[in-house]
């Protein structure tokens, strides 16, 4: 784990890089969401209280539940990982946004659990622009039919899209996938669908945020750029 002074320096450096990339693209600077998988609660609190981080993202339900009582607040809490339907009930009263809605049945379960808590949960639909079988998300051509089913759910508020680019070292390939997602985002936004606000386009991680910003991302999800390389080997949720 990095010491807090290094984390502070990393956050300041990344903010400068984000601002520089946004200026170069002629776009507003996106929200910096700190992806906090494996980061201890005390360091998350430091990033929020001392470094001005306003949004954090957790990938695993079990880890979120372990940290939640220790979080001191002050930042929006997003869930950004693959979410099983039977785990929604554990986080429905805790998160400000679920970014990884990858199926209509998952959206329906979020509706069910949000209703129990008498709240409306902001969500993003995950889009699988790279059409990778091992990843979740709607295929681009499925988005509008999915939105037609999800939009009427009264305890969900669709705020936009989330995407992960396929693993590639080629900047031009990352850019192509991000630009395709941005175009889908714009096309849906132009239709002004009921209960659908295309305000958030969450795409870009540590290895791809410059390309994502150039393509029109409004939020980048950065972990190792802030907190250093961590053991993020996928674990089975219990």
Protein backbone atom coordinates (compact mmCIF):
# COMPACT_ATOMS: atom_id res chain seq x y z
CA UNK A 1 0.00 0.00 0.00
CA UNK A 2 1.29 3.45 -0.86
CA UNK A 3 1.71 6.01 1.90
CA UNK A 4 -0.78 8.87 2.02
CA UNK A 5 1.70 11.50 0.85
CA UNK A 6 2.27 9.52 -2.35
CA UNK A 7 -1.47 9.10 -2.84
CA UNK A 8 -1.91 12.86 -2.43
CA UNK A 9 0.80 13.51 -5.02
CA UNK A 10 -0.73 10.97 -7.42
CA UNK A 11 -4.17 12.56 -7.16
CA UNK A 12 -2.75 16.02 -7.84
CA UNK A 13 -0.74 14.73 -10.83
CA UNK A 14 -3.70 12.85 -12.30
CA UNK A 15 -5.96 15.89 -11.95
CA UNK A 16 -3.43 17.90 -13.95
CA UNK A 17 -3.25 15.21 -16.61
CA UNK A 18 -7.05 15.03 -16.83
CA UNK A 19 -7.28 18.81 -17.19
CA UNK A 20 -4.56 18.77 -19.87
CA UNK A 21 -6.28 16.00 -21.84
CA UNK A 22 -9.63 17.82 -21.62
CA UNK A 23 -8.11 21.09 -22.86
CA UNK A 24 -6.43 19.29 -25.75
CA UNK A 25 -9.76 17.74 -26.73
CA UNK A 26 -11.73 20.96 -26.22
CA UNK A 27 -13.98 19.20 -23.73
CA UNK A 28 -14.95 19.79 -20.08
CA UNK A 29 -12.80 17.90 -17.58
CA UNK A 30 -14.55 14.69 -16.49
CA UNK A 31 -15.30 13.63 -12.94
CA UNK A 32 -12.47 11.71 -11.29
CA UNK A 33 -13.92 8.61 -9.64
CA UNK A 34 -11.44 6.82 -7.39
CA UNK A 35 -11.71 3.07 -7.94
CA UNK A 36 -11.03 1.76 -4.44
CA UNK A 37 -10.93 -2.01 -4.81
CA UNK A 38 -8.54 -3.38 -2.12
CA UNK A 39 -7.88 0.15 -0.79
CA UNK A 40 -8.42 0.25 3.01
CA UNK A 41 -11.14 2.50 4.39
CA UNK A 42 -8.67 4.75 6.19
CA UNK A 43 -6.90 5.59 2.95
CA UNK A 44 -10.21 6.17 1.17
CA UNK A 45 -11.16 8.59 3.94
CA UNK A 46 -7.82 10.37 3.47
CA UNK A 47 -8.40 10.71 -0.28
CA UNK A 48 -11.86 12.15 0.36
CA UNK A 49 -11.15 14.39 3.34
CA UNK A 50 -7.63 15.56 2.50
CA UNK A 51 -7.46 15.35 -1.31
CA UNK A 52 -10.97 16.37 -2.33
CA UNK A 53 -12.05 13.12 -4.01
CA UNK A 54 -15.82 13.41 -4.49
CA UNK A 55 -16.72 9.96 -5.84
CA UNK A 56 -15.45 6.47 -5.06
CA UNK A 57 -16.22 3.17 -6.74
CA UNK A 58 -16.28 -0.34 -5.30
CA UNK A 59 -16.24 -3.54 -7.37
CA UNK A 60 -17.20 -6.23 -4.88
CA UNK A 61 -20.27 -6.37 -2.68
CA UNK A 62 -18.52 -8.17 0.17
CA UNK A 63 -15.66 -5.67 0.24
CA UNK A 64 -18.07 -2.75 0.10
CA UNK A 65 -20.00 -4.11 3.07
CA UNK A 66 -16.82 -4.57 5.09
CA UNK A 67 -15.65 -1.00 4.45
CA UNK A 68 -18.99 0.78 4.59
CA UNK A 69 -19.21 1.26 8.38
CA UNK A 70 -15.71 2.79 8.36
CA UNK A 71 -16.29 5.29 5.57
CA UNK A 72 -16.65 8.81 6.89
CA UNK A 73 -18.79 10.15 4.07
CA UNK A 74 -18.25 13.21 1.95
CA UNK A 75 -18.06 11.32 -1.36
CA UNK A 76 -20.62 9.63 -3.54
CA UNK A 77 -20.41 5.83 -3.41
CA UNK A 78 -20.76 4.05 -6.75
CA UNK A 79 -20.84 0.33 -7.43
CA UNK A 80 -18.78 -0.32 -10.56
CA UNK A 81 -18.28 -4.10 -10.67
CA UNK A 82 -20.23 -7.08 -11.94
CA UNK A 83 -23.33 -7.30 -9.78
CA UNK A 84 -25.23 -10.51 -9.12
CA UNK A 85 -28.98 -10.12 -8.69
CA UNK A 86 -28.98 -11.86 -5.32
CA UNK A 87 -26.50 -9.28 -3.97
CA UNK A 88 -28.51 -6.17 -4.84
CA UNK A 89 -30.40 -6.28 -1.53
CA UNK A 90 -27.17 -5.75 0.40
CA UNK A 91 -26.22 -2.46 -1.29
CA UNK A 92 -29.54 -0.93 -2.36
CA UNK A 93 -29.66 1.32 0.71
CA UNK A 94 -25.97 2.25 0.59
CA UNK A 95 -24.85 3.25 -2.91
CA UNK A 96 -25.54 6.49 -4.75
CA UNK A 97 -25.18 4.90 -8.17
CA UNK A 98 -24.87 1.47 -9.76
CA UNK A 99 -22.80 1.84 -12.92
CA UNK A 100 -22.80 -1.77 -14.08
CA UNK A 101 -26.40 -2.57 -15.00
CA UNK A 102 -25.87 -5.20 -17.67
CA UNK A 103 -29.28 -6.83 -18.03
CA UNK A 104 -32.98 -6.09 -17.74
CA UNK A 105 -33.45 -8.69 -14.94
CA UNK A 106 -30.74 -6.93 -12.91
CA UNK A 107 -32.50 -3.60 -13.41
CA UNK A 108 -35.77 -5.18 -12.28
CA UNK A 109 -34.11 -6.50 -9.12
CA UNK A 110 -32.65 -3.07 -8.37
CA UNK A 111 -36.16 -1.65 -8.77
CA UNK A 112 -37.52 -4.21 -6.33
CA UNK A 113 -34.90 -3.49 -3.68
CA UNK A 114 -34.96 0.30 -4.14
CA UNK A 115 -38.71 0.26 -3.62
CA UNK A 116 -38.23 -1.47 -0.27
CA UNK A 117 -36.09 1.47 0.84
CA UNK A 118 -38.37 4.08 -0.73
CA UNK A 119 -35.59 5.53 -2.83
CA UNK A 120 -34.67 6.07 -6.45
CA UNK A 121 -31.26 4.71 -7.44
CA UNK A 122 -29.23 6.29 -10.21
CA UNK A 123 -27.92 3.72 -12.67
CA UNK A 124 -25.80 3.49 -15.79
CA UNK A 125 -26.27 0.84 -18.46
CA UNK A 126 -23.08 -1.04 -19.21
CA UNK A 127 -22.39 -1.30 -22.93
CA UNK A 128 -20.14 -3.98 -24.39
CA UNK A 129 -18.85 -2.04 -27.37
CA UNK A 130 -16.02 -4.52 -27.89
CA UNK A 131 -18.51 -7.41 -28.04
CA UNK A 132 -16.38 -9.51 -25.70
CA UNK A 133 -18.08 -12.70 -24.57
CA UNK A 134 -16.24 -12.79 -21.24
CA UNK A 135 -17.51 -9.34 -20.25
CA UNK A 136 -20.98 -8.25 -19.24
CA UNK A 137 -22.95 -5.44 -20.76
CA UNK A 138 -25.51 -4.80 -23.44
CA UNK A 139 -24.47 -5.04 -27.06
CA UNK A 140 -24.83 -1.59 -28.64
CA UNK A 141 -27.83 -2.67 -30.72
CA UNK A 142 -29.60 -3.94 -27.58
CA UNK A 143 -29.46 -0.67 -25.67
CA UNK A 144 -32.62 0.98 -26.95
CA UNK A 145 -34.84 -2.05 -26.46
CA UNK A 146 -33.40 -2.47 -22.95
CA UNK A 147 -34.05 1.18 -22.20
CA UNK A 148 -37.67 0.74 -23.25
CA UNK A 149 -38.06 -1.91 -20.53
CA UNK A 150 -36.00 -0.15 -17.87
CA UNK A 151 -37.27 3.43 -18.27
CA UNK A 152 -40.74 2.74 -16.77
CA UNK A 153 -39.23 1.40 -13.52
CA UNK A 154 -40.11 4.18 -11.03
CA UNK A 155 -37.30 3.54 -8.53
CA UNK A 156 -34.54 3.64 -11.14
CA UNK A 157 -33.14 6.70 -12.85
CA UNK A 158 -31.02 5.99 -15.92
CA UNK A 159 -28.29 8.64 -16.02
CA UNK A 160 -26.17 7.38 -18.90
CA UNK A 161 -23.78 4.66 -20.00
CA UNK A 162 -20.70 2.89 -18.68
CA UNK A 163 -18.12 1.16 -20.86
CA UNK A 164 -14.84 -0.70 -20.59
CA UNK A 165 -12.61 -0.83 -23.65
CA UNK A 166 -11.19 -4.19 -24.72
CA UNK A 167 -7.69 -4.93 -23.47
CA UNK A 168 -5.29 -3.54 -26.05
CA UNK A 169 -2.06 -1.60 -26.02
CA UNK A 170 -2.97 0.29 -29.18
CA UNK A 171 -4.21 3.80 -28.48
CA UNK A 172 -6.10 4.02 -31.77
CA UNK A 173 -8.10 0.88 -30.93
CA UNK A 174 -9.05 2.22 -27.50
CA UNK A 175 -10.10 5.48 -29.14
CA UNK A 176 -12.25 3.69 -31.69
CA UNK A 177 -14.24 1.81 -29.04
CA UNK A 178 -14.68 4.91 -26.93
CA UNK A 179 -15.83 6.96 -29.92
CA UNK A 180 -18.41 4.29 -30.82
CA UNK A 181 -19.76 4.38 -27.28
CA UNK A 182 -19.86 8.17 -27.28
CA UNK A 183 -21.85 8.16 -30.53
CA UNK A 184 -24.37 5.75 -29.02
CA UNK A 185 -24.57 8.02 -25.97
CA UNK A 186 -25.30 11.04 -28.20
CA UNK A 187 -27.84 9.17 -30.34
CA UNK A 188 -29.84 8.07 -27.29
CA UNK A 189 -29.60 11.50 -25.69
CA UNK A 190 -31.06 13.14 -28.81
CA UNK A 191 -34.22 11.03 -28.51
CA UNK A 192 -35.07 12.55 -25.09
CA UNK A 193 -36.66 9.34 -23.79
CA UNK A 194 -38.85 9.48 -20.68
CA UNK A 195 -36.94 8.88 -17.42
CA UNK A 196 -33.64 8.63 -19.35
CA UNK A 197 -31.03 11.33 -18.83
CA UNK A 198 -27.85 10.85 -20.82
CA UNK A 199 -25.72 12.99 -18.50
CA UNK A 200 -23.01 10.51 -17.52
CA UNK A 201 -20.64 8.64 -19.82
CA UNK A 202 -18.34 6.62 -17.58
CA UNK A 203 -15.39 5.29 -19.55
CA UNK A 204 -11.64 5.32 -19.20
CA UNK A 205 -9.40 3.68 -16.62
CA UNK A 206 -5.74 4.06 -15.66
CA UNK A 207 -4.48 2.70 -18.98
CA UNK A 208 -6.99 4.48 -21.19
CA UNK A 209 -8.30 7.67 -19.64
CA UNK A 210 -6.59 10.04 -22.08
CA UNK A 211 -8.28 8.33 -25.03
CA UNK A 212 -11.61 8.25 -23.18
CA UNK A 213 -11.47 11.98 -22.40
CA UNK A 214 -10.69 12.78 -26.02
CA UNK A 215 -13.72 10.72 -27.06
CA UNK A 216 -16.12 12.51 -24.68
CA UNK A 217 -16.06 10.70 -21.34
CA UNK A 218 -17.68 12.62 -18.47
CA UNK A 219 -16.24 10.31 -15.77
CA UNK A 220 -13.01 8.33 -15.54
CA UNK A 221 -12.56 5.46 -13.09
CA UNK A 222 -8.97 5.39 -11.85
CA UNK A 223 -7.46 3.04 -9.30
CA UNK A 224 -3.79 2.19 -9.73
CA UNK A 225 -2.98 5.68 -11.05
CA UNK A 226 -3.97 6.94 -7.58
CA UNK A 227 -3.27 4.10 -5.18
CA UNK A 228 -0.54 2.13 -6.97
CA UNK A 229 -0.61 -1.36 -8.38
CA UNK A 230 -2.68 -3.69 -6.23
CA UNK A 231 -3.67 -7.33 -6.15
CA UNK A 232 -6.92 -7.08 -8.06
CA UNK A 233 -7.22 -10.74 -9.00
CA UNK A 234 -10.93 -11.47 -9.39
CA UNK A 235 -12.47 -13.23 -6.41
CA UNK A 236 -15.67 -15.17 -6.20
CA UNK A 237 -18.35 -13.42 -4.18
CA UNK A 238 -19.62 -15.59 -1.34
